[in-house]
């Protein structure tokens, strides 16, 4: 895989990280607003969380589109790197490290989202299904 492909993956993963951080920050603010029983802030923060989530979906779409442009061998290497499996070069390792960091942050967001969703919706929680 050439350096430009790796750089593209690294840039997309870094953008993903930035949006995941935004989602985490807003989610933590949402939890604090719920603790204060501040319904106005809760509604505002729920709406604010929508934009970075849409941006994450766009990055996912762009990443998938970019992967389709790769050769089959490069697609396989990219998938391994994006799963956090280390690479042979420093750039490959940087992509794998960023993907691993993103995955861990996403897991923390999902855990927080479970709690928030249950608090907001009670028995009608999405996660109760």
N, C-alpha and C. Protein backbone atom coordinates (compact mmCIF):
# COMPACT_ATOMS: atom_id res chain seq x y z
N UNK A 1 0.85 -1.16 0.00
CA UNK A 1 0.00 0.00 0.00
C UNK A 1 0.91 1.23 0.00
N UNK A 2 0.59 2.19 -0.87
CA UNK A 2 1.46 3.35 -0.94
C UNK A 2 1.17 4.35 0.18
N UNK A 3 2.07 5.30 0.34
CA UNK A 3 2.00 6.27 1.43
C UNK A 3 0.75 7.14 1.36
N UNK A 4 0.31 7.50 0.14
CA UNK A 4 -0.89 8.34 0.00
C UNK A 4 -2.12 7.61 0.52
N UNK A 5 -2.23 6.33 0.22
CA UNK A 5 -3.37 5.55 0.71
C UNK A 5 -3.35 5.50 2.24
N UNK A 6 -2.17 5.25 2.77
CA UNK A 6 -2.05 5.19 4.23
C UNK A 6 -2.34 6.53 4.87
N UNK A 7 -1.88 7.60 4.25
CA UNK A 7 -2.16 8.93 4.78
C UNK A 7 -3.65 9.23 4.73
N UNK A 8 -4.32 8.83 3.65
CA UNK A 8 -5.78 9.02 3.55
C UNK A 8 -6.49 8.29 4.69
N UNK A 9 -6.08 7.05 4.95
CA UNK A 9 -6.69 6.28 6.05
C UNK A 9 -6.43 6.96 7.39
N UNK A 10 -5.21 7.42 7.57
CA UNK A 10 -4.85 8.05 8.84
C UNK A 10 -5.65 9.34 9.04
N UNK A 11 -5.81 10.12 7.99
CA UNK A 11 -6.58 11.37 8.09
C UNK A 11 -8.04 11.06 8.42
N UNK A 12 -8.61 10.09 7.76
CA UNK A 12 -10.01 9.74 8.04
C UNK A 12 -10.17 9.23 9.46
N UNK A 13 -9.23 8.43 9.93
CA UNK A 13 -9.30 7.92 11.30
C UNK A 13 -9.13 9.05 12.31
N UNK A 14 -8.29 10.01 11.99
CA UNK A 14 -8.10 11.16 12.89
C UNK A 14 -9.37 12.02 12.95
N UNK A 15 -10.01 12.22 11.80
CA UNK A 15 -11.28 12.96 11.77
C UNK A 15 -12.32 12.22 12.60
N UNK A 16 -12.34 10.90 12.44
CA UNK A 16 -13.28 10.09 13.21
C UNK A 16 -13.04 10.30 14.71
N UNK A 17 -11.78 10.30 15.11
CA UNK A 17 -11.44 10.51 16.51
C UNK A 17 -11.95 11.86 17.01
N UNK A 18 -11.78 12.90 16.21
CA UNK A 18 -12.24 14.22 16.62
C UNK A 18 -13.76 14.25 16.82
N UNK A 19 -14.49 13.62 15.91
CA UNK A 19 -15.95 13.59 16.06
C UNK A 19 -16.38 12.69 17.22
N UNK A 20 -15.67 11.60 17.43
CA UNK A 20 -15.97 10.75 18.58
C UNK A 20 -15.75 11.53 19.89
N UNK A 21 -14.70 12.33 19.92
CA UNK A 21 -14.46 13.16 21.10
C UNK A 21 -15.60 14.15 21.31
N UNK A 22 -16.09 14.73 20.21
CA UNK A 22 -17.23 15.64 20.32
C UNK A 22 -18.45 14.92 20.89
N UNK A 23 -18.72 13.73 20.39
CA UNK A 23 -19.87 12.96 20.88
C UNK A 23 -19.70 12.64 22.36
N UNK A 24 -18.49 12.24 22.76
CA UNK A 24 -18.24 11.92 24.16
C UNK A 24 -18.44 13.15 25.04
N UNK A 25 -17.91 14.28 24.62
CA UNK A 25 -18.04 15.51 25.39
C UNK A 25 -19.51 15.90 25.55
N UNK A 26 -20.25 15.88 24.46
CA UNK A 26 -21.67 16.24 24.53
C UNK A 26 -22.43 15.23 25.39
N UNK A 27 -22.09 13.96 25.28
CA UNK A 27 -22.76 12.93 26.08
C UNK A 27 -22.49 13.14 27.57
N UNK A 28 -21.27 13.50 27.91
CA UNK A 28 -20.96 13.77 29.32
C UNK A 28 -21.71 15.00 29.81
N UNK A 29 -21.81 16.03 28.97
CA UNK A 29 -22.60 17.20 29.34
C UNK A 29 -24.07 16.83 29.50
N UNK A 30 -24.54 15.95 28.64
CA UNK A 30 -25.92 15.47 28.72
C UNK A 30 -26.18 14.75 30.04
N UNK A 31 -25.24 13.91 30.44
CA UNK A 31 -25.37 13.21 31.72
C UNK A 31 -25.42 14.20 32.88
N UNK A 32 -24.59 15.23 32.82
CA UNK A 32 -24.58 16.25 33.88
C UNK A 32 -25.90 17.01 33.90
N UNK A 33 -26.42 17.34 32.73
CA UNK A 33 -27.71 18.05 32.66
C UNK A 33 -28.84 17.18 33.21
N UNK A 34 -28.77 15.89 32.94
CA UNK A 34 -29.78 14.97 33.47
C UNK A 34 -29.68 14.89 34.98
N UNK A 35 -28.45 14.89 35.51
CA UNK A 35 -28.26 14.88 36.96
C UNK A 35 -28.86 16.12 37.60
N UNK A 36 -28.78 17.26 36.91
CA UNK A 36 -29.33 18.51 37.42
C UNK A 36 -30.83 18.63 37.15
N UNK A 37 -31.37 17.69 36.38
CA UNK A 37 -32.77 17.71 35.97
C UNK A 37 -33.07 18.97 35.14
N UNK A 38 -32.11 19.36 34.30
CA UNK A 38 -32.20 20.55 33.45
C UNK A 38 -32.74 20.12 32.08
N UNK A 39 -34.06 20.12 31.94
CA UNK A 39 -34.69 19.62 30.72
C UNK A 39 -34.36 20.44 29.48
N UNK A 40 -34.19 21.75 29.64
CA UNK A 40 -33.85 22.59 28.49
C UNK A 40 -32.47 22.19 27.95
N UNK A 41 -31.50 22.04 28.83
CA UNK A 41 -30.16 21.63 28.41
C UNK A 41 -30.17 20.23 27.83
N UNK A 42 -30.95 19.34 28.41
CA UNK A 42 -31.04 17.97 27.90
C UNK A 42 -31.51 17.99 26.45
N UNK A 43 -32.59 18.72 26.17
CA UNK A 43 -33.10 18.78 24.79
C UNK A 43 -32.07 19.40 23.85
N UNK A 44 -31.42 20.46 24.31
CA UNK A 44 -30.42 21.13 23.49
C UNK A 44 -29.24 20.20 23.20
N UNK A 45 -28.76 19.49 24.20
CA UNK A 45 -27.61 18.61 24.03
C UNK A 45 -27.94 17.39 23.16
N UNK A 46 -29.15 16.87 23.29
CA UNK A 46 -29.55 15.76 22.42
C UNK A 46 -29.52 16.23 20.96
N UNK A 47 -30.01 17.42 20.72
CA UNK A 47 -29.99 17.97 19.35
C UNK A 47 -28.56 18.22 18.89
N UNK A 48 -27.70 18.73 19.79
CA UNK A 48 -26.31 19.01 19.43
C UNK A 48 -25.53 17.75 19.07
N UNK A 49 -25.89 16.65 19.68
CA UNK A 49 -25.17 15.38 19.44
C UNK A 49 -25.42 14.84 18.05
N UNK A 50 -26.50 15.29 17.46
CA UNK A 50 -26.89 14.79 16.14
C UNK A 50 -25.84 15.11 15.06
N UNK A 51 -25.29 16.33 15.08
CA UNK A 51 -24.35 16.74 14.03
C UNK A 51 -23.08 15.90 14.00
N UNK A 52 -22.37 15.73 15.13
CA UNK A 52 -21.16 14.89 15.03
C UNK A 52 -21.48 13.44 14.68
N UNK A 53 -22.66 12.96 15.05
CA UNK A 53 -23.03 11.60 14.66
C UNK A 53 -23.22 11.51 13.15
N UNK A 54 -23.82 12.54 12.56
CA UNK A 54 -23.95 12.57 11.10
C UNK A 54 -22.58 12.65 10.43
N UNK A 55 -21.68 13.42 11.00
CA UNK A 55 -20.33 13.53 10.45
C UNK A 55 -19.61 12.18 10.52
N UNK A 56 -19.80 11.45 11.60
CA UNK A 56 -19.20 10.12 11.72
C UNK A 56 -19.75 9.18 10.65
N UNK A 57 -21.04 9.29 10.37
CA UNK A 57 -21.64 8.46 9.32
C UNK A 57 -21.05 8.82 7.95
N UNK A 58 -20.82 10.10 7.73
CA UNK A 58 -20.21 10.54 6.47
C UNK A 58 -18.78 10.02 6.34
N UNK A 59 -18.03 10.05 7.43
CA UNK A 59 -16.67 9.52 7.40
C UNK A 59 -16.69 8.02 7.10
N UNK A 60 -17.62 7.30 7.71
CA UNK A 60 -17.75 5.87 7.44
C UNK A 60 -18.02 5.63 5.95
N UNK A 61 -18.92 6.42 5.40
CA UNK A 61 -19.24 6.30 3.98
C UNK A 61 -18.00 6.61 3.11
N UNK A 62 -17.29 7.69 3.44
CA UNK A 62 -16.08 8.06 2.69
C UNK A 62 -15.00 6.98 2.79
N UNK A 63 -14.85 6.41 3.97
CA UNK A 63 -13.86 5.36 4.18
C UNK A 63 -14.21 4.13 3.33
N UNK A 64 -15.47 3.74 3.35
CA UNK A 64 -15.89 2.58 2.54
C UNK A 64 -15.68 2.85 1.05
N UNK A 65 -16.02 4.06 0.62
CA UNK A 65 -15.83 4.41 -0.79
C UNK A 65 -14.35 4.39 -1.15
N UNK A 66 -13.52 4.91 -0.25
CA UNK A 66 -12.07 4.93 -0.50
C UNK A 66 -11.52 3.50 -0.56
N UNK A 67 -11.98 2.64 0.34
CA UNK A 67 -11.50 1.25 0.35
C UNK A 67 -11.84 0.52 -0.95
N UNK A 68 -12.96 0.86 -1.56
CA UNK A 68 -13.35 0.21 -2.81
C UNK A 68 -12.39 0.56 -3.95
N UNK A 69 -11.67 1.67 -3.79
CA UNK A 69 -10.70 2.08 -4.81
C UNK A 69 -9.38 1.31 -4.68
N UNK A 70 -9.17 0.63 -3.56
CA UNK A 70 -7.93 -0.10 -3.31
C UNK A 70 -7.95 -1.45 -4.03
N UNK A 71 -6.77 -1.97 -4.27
CA UNK A 71 -6.67 -3.33 -4.80
C UNK A 71 -7.13 -4.30 -3.72
N UNK A 72 -7.49 -5.53 -4.08
CA UNK A 72 -7.92 -6.50 -3.05
C UNK A 72 -6.89 -6.70 -1.94
N UNK A 73 -5.61 -6.75 -2.28
CA UNK A 73 -4.58 -6.93 -1.26
C UNK A 73 -4.51 -5.71 -0.34
N UNK A 74 -4.61 -4.51 -0.92
CA UNK A 74 -4.59 -3.30 -0.10
C UNK A 74 -5.86 -3.18 0.74
N UNK A 75 -6.98 -3.64 0.21
CA UNK A 75 -8.23 -3.64 1.00
C UNK A 75 -8.06 -4.51 2.24
N UNK A 76 -7.46 -5.67 2.07
CA UNK A 76 -7.26 -6.58 3.21
C UNK A 76 -6.33 -5.96 4.24
N UNK A 77 -5.23 -5.37 3.78
CA UNK A 77 -4.32 -4.71 4.71
C UNK A 77 -5.02 -3.55 5.43
N UNK A 78 -5.78 -2.77 4.69
CA UNK A 78 -6.50 -1.64 5.30
C UNK A 78 -7.49 -2.13 6.35
N UNK A 79 -8.20 -3.19 6.06
CA UNK A 79 -9.16 -3.73 7.04
C UNK A 79 -8.44 -4.19 8.31
N UNK A 80 -7.29 -4.81 8.14
CA UNK A 80 -6.51 -5.23 9.31
C UNK A 80 -6.06 -4.02 10.12
N UNK A 81 -5.57 -3.01 9.44
CA UNK A 81 -5.12 -1.81 10.14
C UNK A 81 -6.28 -1.12 10.84
N UNK A 82 -7.43 -1.08 10.18
CA UNK A 82 -8.61 -0.42 10.76
C UNK A 82 -9.22 -1.22 11.91
N UNK A 83 -8.81 -2.47 12.05
CA UNK A 83 -9.22 -3.27 13.20
C UNK A 83 -8.20 -3.15 14.33
N UNK A 84 -7.17 -2.33 14.09
CA UNK A 84 -6.17 -2.08 15.12
C UNK A 84 -5.02 -3.05 15.11
N UNK A 85 -4.95 -3.88 14.09
CA UNK A 85 -3.84 -4.83 13.98
C UNK A 85 -2.64 -4.10 13.41
N UNK A 86 -1.50 -4.24 14.05
CA UNK A 86 -0.29 -3.51 13.70
C UNK A 86 0.18 -3.74 12.29
N UNK A 87 0.91 -2.76 11.79
CA UNK A 87 1.43 -2.84 10.44
C UNK A 87 2.93 -2.93 10.43
N UNK A 88 3.48 -3.08 9.22
CA UNK A 88 4.92 -3.28 9.06
C UNK A 88 5.69 -1.95 9.09
N UNK A 89 5.08 -0.88 8.61
CA UNK A 89 5.77 0.41 8.56
C UNK A 89 5.27 1.33 9.67
N UNK A 90 6.00 2.38 9.97
CA UNK A 90 5.53 3.33 10.98
C UNK A 90 4.17 3.95 10.62
N UNK A 91 3.95 4.25 9.35
CA UNK A 91 2.66 4.83 8.92
C UNK A 91 1.53 3.82 9.11
N UNK A 92 1.78 2.56 8.76
CA UNK A 92 0.77 1.53 8.98
C UNK A 92 0.47 1.40 10.47
N UNK A 93 1.50 1.43 11.28
CA UNK A 93 1.31 1.32 12.73
C UNK A 93 0.52 2.51 13.26
N UNK A 94 0.77 3.69 12.70
CA UNK A 94 0.04 4.89 13.13
C UNK A 94 -1.46 4.75 12.81
N UNK A 95 -1.77 4.20 11.65
CA UNK A 95 -3.19 3.97 11.29
C UNK A 95 -3.81 2.96 12.25
N UNK A 96 -3.10 1.87 12.50
CA UNK A 96 -3.62 0.84 13.41
C UNK A 96 -3.80 1.40 14.83
N UNK A 97 -2.85 2.19 15.28
CA UNK A 97 -2.94 2.78 16.63
C UNK A 97 -4.14 3.71 16.73
N UNK A 98 -4.33 4.56 15.70
CA UNK A 98 -5.47 5.49 15.72
C UNK A 98 -6.79 4.73 15.68
N UNK A 99 -6.85 3.68 14.87
CA UNK A 99 -8.07 2.88 14.78
C UNK A 99 -8.36 2.22 16.14
N UNK A 100 -7.33 1.73 16.81
CA UNK A 100 -7.52 1.13 18.13
C UNK A 100 -8.01 2.15 19.15
N UNK A 101 -7.43 3.35 19.12
CA UNK A 101 -7.87 4.42 20.01
C UNK A 101 -9.32 4.77 19.74
N UNK A 102 -9.68 4.86 18.46
CA UNK A 102 -11.07 5.16 18.09
C UNK A 102 -12.03 4.09 18.61
N UNK A 103 -11.63 2.85 18.47
CA UNK A 103 -12.49 1.75 18.91
C UNK A 103 -12.72 1.80 20.42
N UNK A 104 -11.65 2.07 21.17
CA UNK A 104 -11.80 2.16 22.64
C UNK A 104 -12.68 3.34 23.04
N UNK A 105 -12.53 4.47 22.36
CA UNK A 105 -13.37 5.62 22.66
C UNK A 105 -14.82 5.33 22.30
N UNK A 106 -15.04 4.68 21.18
CA UNK A 106 -16.40 4.32 20.78
C UNK A 106 -17.04 3.39 21.81
N UNK A 107 -16.29 2.45 22.33
CA UNK A 107 -16.82 1.55 23.36
C UNK A 107 -17.25 2.33 24.60
N UNK A 108 -16.46 3.33 24.98
CA UNK A 108 -16.83 4.17 26.14
C UNK A 108 -18.10 4.97 25.84
N UNK A 109 -18.21 5.48 24.62
CA UNK A 109 -19.39 6.24 24.22
C UNK A 109 -20.62 5.35 24.26
N UNK A 110 -20.50 4.14 23.75
CA UNK A 110 -21.64 3.22 23.73
C UNK A 110 -22.08 2.89 25.15
N UNK A 111 -21.13 2.67 26.03
CA UNK A 111 -21.46 2.38 27.42
C UNK A 111 -22.21 3.56 28.06
N UNK A 112 -21.72 4.77 27.83
CA UNK A 112 -22.40 5.95 28.36
C UNK A 112 -23.76 6.12 27.71
N UNK A 113 -23.85 5.86 26.42
CA UNK A 113 -25.12 5.99 25.71
C UNK A 113 -26.16 5.01 26.25
N UNK A 114 -25.74 3.81 26.62
CA UNK A 114 -26.66 2.84 27.23
C UNK A 114 -27.29 3.46 28.47
N UNK A 115 -26.46 4.00 29.33
CA UNK A 115 -26.97 4.59 30.58
C UNK A 115 -27.87 5.78 30.31
N UNK A 116 -27.45 6.66 29.40
CA UNK A 116 -28.25 7.84 29.09
C UNK A 116 -29.58 7.47 28.48
N UNK A 117 -29.55 6.53 27.56
CA UNK A 117 -30.78 6.12 26.89
C UNK A 117 -31.76 5.52 27.88
N UNK A 118 -31.27 4.71 28.77
CA UNK A 118 -32.16 4.11 29.78
C UNK A 118 -32.75 5.17 30.71
N UNK A 119 -31.93 6.17 31.06
CA UNK A 119 -32.42 7.24 31.93
C UNK A 119 -33.47 8.09 31.22
N UNK A 120 -33.26 8.33 29.93
CA UNK A 120 -34.19 9.17 29.18
C UNK A 120 -35.49 8.46 28.84
N UNK A 121 -35.40 7.19 28.50
CA UNK A 121 -36.57 6.49 27.97
C UNK A 121 -37.13 5.40 28.88
N UNK A 122 -36.42 5.05 29.93
CA UNK A 122 -36.91 4.04 30.86
C UNK A 122 -37.11 2.70 30.18
N UNK A 123 -38.30 2.13 30.33
CA UNK A 123 -38.60 0.81 29.78
C UNK A 123 -38.64 0.79 28.25
N UNK A 124 -38.75 1.95 27.64
CA UNK A 124 -38.81 2.04 26.17
C UNK A 124 -37.43 2.21 25.57
N UNK A 125 -36.39 1.98 26.34
CA UNK A 125 -35.02 2.15 25.88
C UNK A 125 -34.74 1.30 24.65
N UNK A 126 -33.99 1.88 23.75
CA UNK A 126 -33.53 1.18 22.56
C UNK A 126 -32.75 -0.07 22.94
N UNK A 127 -32.03 0.01 24.04
CA UNK A 127 -31.16 -1.09 24.47
C UNK A 127 -31.90 -2.18 25.22
N UNK A 128 -33.17 -1.97 25.49
CA UNK A 128 -33.96 -3.01 26.18
C UNK A 128 -34.45 -4.07 25.21
N UNK A 129 -34.33 -3.80 23.93
CA UNK A 129 -34.84 -4.73 22.91
C UNK A 129 -33.95 -5.93 22.78
